[in-house]
């Protein structure tokens, strides 16, 4: 049986998992995930790439989070469309890489794999790009 291997590109700025929130109405406490709508939208963009059944084996994820470059990375004047010579490749700013990973793993949970505990290896990068996107490679081991 052939192992599942898929490369997926989701265009748009990567999103991070937000902290769960709770509200109180009298003695009743309601907890909710403020990222649930974003996860639904993310999963919708991945719809055509999903397997017919969630994968049951061990998985490896390769993920590259590509962020748009800030205006300060570009030159000024007539060269405003050119990058400066000293701009970084990697994004060492917020959002945190663990929250970005958590968002992707939670969104794919139950659809691409039965449970995110099946993910045994992850390779992640946060970098700048002219095209903001999330590049995901899912490999069944």
C-alpha atoms as a PDB file:
ATOM      1  CA  UNK A   1       0.000   0.000   0.000  1.00  0.00           C
ATOM      2  CA  UNK A   2       1.354   3.391  -0.985  1.00  0.00           C
ATOM      3  CA  UNK A   3       2.149   5.801   1.825  1.00  0.00           C
ATOM      4  CA  UNK A   4       0.498   9.210   1.890  1.00  0.00           C
ATOM      5  CA  UNK A   5       2.749  12.080   0.765  1.00  0.00           C
ATOM      6  CA  UNK A   6       1.352  15.490  -0.112  1.00  0.00           C
ATOM      7  CA  UNK A   7       2.690  19.005  -0.708  1.00  0.00           C
ATOM      8  CA  UNK A   8       0.184  21.777   0.028  1.00  0.00           C
ATOM      9  CA  UNK A   9       0.492  25.556  -0.342  1.00  0.00           C
ATOM     10  CA  UNK A  10      -2.018  27.801   1.435  1.00  0.00           C
ATOM     11  CA  UNK A  11      -1.725  31.428   0.306  1.00  0.00           C
ATOM     12  CA  UNK A  12      -2.073  34.326   2.729  1.00  0.00           C
ATOM     13  CA  UNK A  13      -0.260  35.384   5.894  1.00  0.00           C
ATOM     14  CA  UNK A  14       0.221  32.461   8.311  1.00  0.00           C
ATOM     15  CA  UNK A  15      -1.998  32.483  11.396  1.00  0.00           C
ATOM     16  CA  UNK A  16      -1.121  31.484  14.934  1.00  0.00           C
ATOM     17  CA  UNK A  17      -3.230  29.593  17.468  1.00  0.00           C
ATOM     18  CA  UNK A  18      -4.894  32.074  19.821  1.00  0.00           C
ATOM     19  CA  UNK A  19      -5.311  31.335  23.510  1.00  0.00           C
ATOM     20  CA  UNK A  20      -8.620  29.789  24.483  1.00  0.00           C
ATOM     21  CA  UNK A  21     -11.004  32.251  26.122  1.00  0.00           C
ATOM     22  CA  UNK A  22     -13.737  31.884  28.673  1.00  0.00           C
ATOM     23  CA  UNK A  23     -16.806  33.942  29.513  1.00  0.00           C
ATOM     24  CA  UNK A  24     -18.955  33.835  32.594  1.00  0.00           C
ATOM     25  CA  UNK A  25     -22.735  34.168  32.882  1.00  0.00           C
ATOM     26  CA  UNK A  26     -23.645  33.709  36.526  1.00  0.00           C
ATOM     27  CA  UNK A  27     -22.276  30.337  37.621  1.00  0.00           C
ATOM     28  CA  UNK A  28     -21.919  29.092  34.048  1.00  0.00           C
ATOM     29  CA  UNK A  29     -18.438  29.325  32.482  1.00  0.00           C
ATOM     30  CA  UNK A  30     -18.209  28.910  28.712  1.00  0.00           C
ATOM     31  CA  UNK A  31     -14.850  28.217  27.090  1.00  0.00           C
ATOM     32  CA  UNK A  32     -14.256  28.753  23.389  1.00  0.00           C
ATOM     33  CA  UNK A  33     -11.504  28.753  20.786  1.00  0.00           C
ATOM     34  CA  UNK A  34     -11.151  32.196  19.138  1.00  0.00           C
ATOM     35  CA  UNK A  35      -9.164  30.549  16.292  1.00  0.00           C
ATOM     36  CA  UNK A  36     -11.954  28.152  15.259  1.00  0.00           C
ATOM     37  CA  UNK A  37     -13.212  30.302  12.325  1.00  0.00           C
ATOM     38  CA  UNK A  38      -9.648  30.761  11.033  1.00  0.00           C
ATOM     39  CA  UNK A  39      -9.050  26.992  11.297  1.00  0.00           C
ATOM     40  CA  UNK A  40     -12.251  26.283   9.361  1.00  0.00           C
ATOM     41  CA  UNK A  41     -11.173  28.698   6.605  1.00  0.00           C
ATOM     42  CA  UNK A  42      -7.671  27.170   6.535  1.00  0.00           C
ATOM     43  CA  UNK A  43      -9.085  23.660   6.257  1.00  0.00           C
ATOM     44  CA  UNK A  44     -11.458  24.754   3.496  1.00  0.00           C
ATOM     45  CA  UNK A  45      -8.450  25.917   1.436  1.00  0.00           C
ATOM     46  CA  UNK A  46      -6.902  22.447   1.922  1.00  0.00           C
ATOM     47  CA  UNK A  47     -10.106  20.561   1.049  1.00  0.00           C
ATOM     48  CA  UNK A  48      -9.035  19.180  -2.336  1.00  0.00           C
ATOM     49  CA  UNK A  49      -5.749  17.851  -0.892  1.00  0.00           C
ATOM     50  CA  UNK A  50      -7.257  15.844   1.960  1.00  0.00           C
ATOM     51  CA  UNK A  51      -7.143  12.043   1.982  1.00  0.00           C
ATOM     52  CA  UNK A  52     -10.389  10.089   1.646  1.00  0.00           C
ATOM     53  CA  UNK A  53      -9.891   8.759   5.186  1.00  0.00           C
ATOM     54  CA  UNK A  54      -7.739  10.169   8.006  1.00  0.00           C
ATOM     55  CA  UNK A  55      -4.284   8.564   8.073  1.00  0.00           C
ATOM     56  CA  UNK A  56      -3.713   6.181  10.983  1.00  0.00           C
ATOM     57  CA  UNK A  57       0.097   5.794  10.943  1.00  0.00           C
ATOM     58  CA  UNK A  58       2.998   7.923  12.118  1.00  0.00           C
ATOM     59  CA  UNK A  59       3.443  11.233  10.290  1.00  0.00           C
ATOM     60  CA  UNK A  60       6.162  13.767   9.580  1.00  0.00           C
ATOM     61  CA  UNK A  61       5.386  17.416   8.813  1.00  0.00           C
ATOM     62  CA  UNK A  62       7.625  19.869   6.977  1.00  0.00           C
ATOM     63  CA  UNK A  63       6.209  23.376   7.314  1.00  0.00           C
ATOM     64  CA  UNK A  64       7.509  26.710   6.017  1.00  0.00           C
ATOM     65  CA  UNK A  65       5.669  29.812   7.199  1.00  0.00           C
ATOM     66  CA  UNK A  66       6.295  32.588   4.666  1.00  0.00           C
ATOM     67  CA  UNK A  67       5.505  36.106   5.887  1.00  0.00           C
ATOM     68  CA  UNK A  68       5.212  39.266   3.816  1.00  0.00           C
ATOM     69  CA  UNK A  69       8.177  41.543   4.107  1.00  0.00           C
ATOM     70  CA  UNK A  70       7.696  44.779   6.052  1.00  0.00           C
ATOM     71  CA  UNK A  71       8.108  48.071   4.229  1.00  0.00           C
ATOM     72  CA  UNK A  72      11.406  48.664   6.088  1.00  0.00           C
ATOM     73  CA  UNK A  73      13.020  45.814   4.082  1.00  0.00           C
ATOM     74  CA  UNK A  74      12.739  47.834   0.870  1.00  0.00           C
ATOM     75  CA  UNK A  75      14.767  50.750  -0.434  1.00  0.00           C
ATOM     76  CA  UNK A  76      13.316  54.207  -0.924  1.00  0.00           C
ATOM     77  CA  UNK A  77      12.864  56.549  -3.856  1.00  0.00           C
ATOM     78  CA  UNK A  78      13.172  55.237  -7.393  1.00  0.00           C
ATOM     79  CA  UNK A  79      14.418  51.864  -6.010  1.00  0.00           C
ATOM     80  CA  UNK A  80      11.437  51.424  -3.676  1.00  0.00           C
ATOM     81  CA  UNK A  81      10.602  48.040  -5.226  1.00  0.00           C
ATOM     82  CA  UNK A  82      14.086  46.605  -4.502  1.00  0.00           C
ATOM     83  CA  UNK A  83      15.137  44.905  -1.278  1.00  0.00           C
ATOM     84  CA  UNK A  84      17.892  46.453   0.821  1.00  0.00           C
ATOM     85  CA  UNK A  85      21.166  44.472   0.958  1.00  0.00           C
ATOM     86  CA  UNK A  86      20.971  43.776   4.705  1.00  0.00           C
ATOM     87  CA  UNK A  87      17.477  42.302   5.013  1.00  0.00           C
ATOM     88  CA  UNK A  88      17.010  39.057   6.969  1.00  0.00           C
ATOM     89  CA  UNK A  89      15.801  35.815   5.414  1.00  0.00           C
ATOM     90  CA  UNK A  90      14.182  34.455   8.566  1.00  0.00           C
ATOM     91  CA  UNK A  91      11.394  36.076  10.581  1.00  0.00           C
ATOM     92  CA  UNK A  92      12.507  36.260  14.220  1.00  0.00           C
ATOM     93  CA  UNK A  93       9.421  38.208  15.318  1.00  0.00           C
ATOM     94  CA  UNK A  94       5.921  37.354  16.514  1.00  0.00           C
ATOM     95  CA  UNK A  95       3.929  35.173  16.105  1.00  0.00           C
ATOM     96  CA  UNK A  96       5.796  32.411  17.924  1.00  0.00           C
ATOM     97  CA  UNK A  97       6.631  29.333  15.860  1.00  0.00           C
ATOM     98  CA  UNK A  98       4.972  26.960  18.353  1.00  0.00           C
ATOM     99  CA  UNK A  99       1.636  28.812  18.054  1.00  0.00           C
ATOM    100  CA  UNK A 100       1.865  28.719  14.243  1.00  0.00           C
ATOM    101  CA  UNK A 101       2.518  24.962  14.359  1.00  0.00           C
ATOM    102  CA  UNK A 102      -0.319  24.375  16.843  1.00  0.00           C
ATOM    103  CA  UNK A 103      -2.755  26.199  14.547  1.00  0.00           C
ATOM    104  CA  UNK A 104      -1.841  24.012  11.539  1.00  0.00           C
ATOM    105  CA  UNK A 105      -1.849  20.746  13.513  1.00  0.00           C
ATOM    106  CA  UNK A 106      -5.209  21.518  15.153  1.00  0.00           C
ATOM    107  CA  UNK A 107      -6.796  22.529  11.839  1.00  0.00           C
ATOM    108  CA  UNK A 108      -5.716  19.258  10.175  1.00  0.00           C
ATOM    109  CA  UNK A 109      -6.666  17.085  13.167  1.00  0.00           C
ATOM    110  CA  UNK A 110      -9.367  14.518  12.384  1.00  0.00           C
ATOM    111  CA  UNK A 111      -9.211  15.264   8.643  1.00  0.00           C
ATOM    112  CA  UNK A 112      -5.669  14.495   7.467  1.00  0.00           C
ATOM    113  CA  UNK A 113      -4.837  12.264  10.427  1.00  0.00           C
ATOM    114  CA  UNK A 114      -6.899  10.736  13.199  1.00  0.00           C
ATOM    115  CA  UNK A 115      -5.075  12.609  15.977  1.00  0.00           C
ATOM    116  CA  UNK A 116      -2.118  14.994  16.069  1.00  0.00           C
ATOM    117  CA  UNK A 117      -0.373  12.624  18.508  1.00  0.00           C
ATOM    118  CA  UNK A 118       0.532  10.614  15.351  1.00  0.00           C
ATOM    119  CA  UNK A 119       2.970  13.360  14.340  1.00  0.00           C
ATOM    120  CA  UNK A 120       6.369  12.134  15.447  1.00  0.00           C
ATOM    121  CA  UNK A 121       8.680  14.486  13.532  1.00  0.00           C
ATOM    122  CA  UNK A 122       8.347  18.141  12.525  1.00  0.00           C
ATOM    123  CA  UNK A 123      10.641  20.442  10.546  1.00  0.00           C
ATOM    124  CA  UNK A 124       9.529  24.107  10.731  1.00  0.00           C
ATOM    125  CA  UNK A 125      10.811  27.426   9.405  1.00  0.00           C
ATOM    126  CA  UNK A 126       9.595  31.029   9.630  1.00  0.00           C
ATOM    127  CA  UNK A 127      10.867  33.189   6.821  1.00  0.00           C
ATOM    128  CA  UNK A 128      10.096  36.236   4.730  1.00  0.00           C
ATOM    129  CA  UNK A 129       8.783  35.963   1.202  1.00  0.00           C
ATOM    130  CA  UNK A 130       7.286  38.089  -1.558  1.00  0.00           C
ATOM    131  CA  UNK A 131       4.343  35.682  -1.513  1.00  0.00           C
ATOM    132  CA  UNK A 132       2.956  35.103   1.992  1.00  0.00           C
ATOM    133  CA  UNK A 133       1.850  31.506   2.424  1.00  0.00           C
ATOM    134  CA  UNK A 134       2.116  28.322   4.458  1.00  0.00           C
ATOM    135  CA  UNK A 135       3.857  25.412   2.714  1.00  0.00           C
ATOM    136  CA  UNK A 136       3.041  22.036   4.237  1.00  0.00           C
ATOM    137  CA  UNK A 137       4.463  18.652   3.313  1.00  0.00           C
ATOM    138  CA  UNK A 138       2.746  15.708   4.986  1.00  0.00           C
ATOM    139  CA  UNK A 139       4.568  12.405   4.871  1.00  0.00           C
ATOM    140  CA  UNK A 140       3.323   9.119   6.269  1.00  0.00           C
ATOM    141  CA  UNK A 141       6.255   7.182   7.738  1.00  0.00           C
END
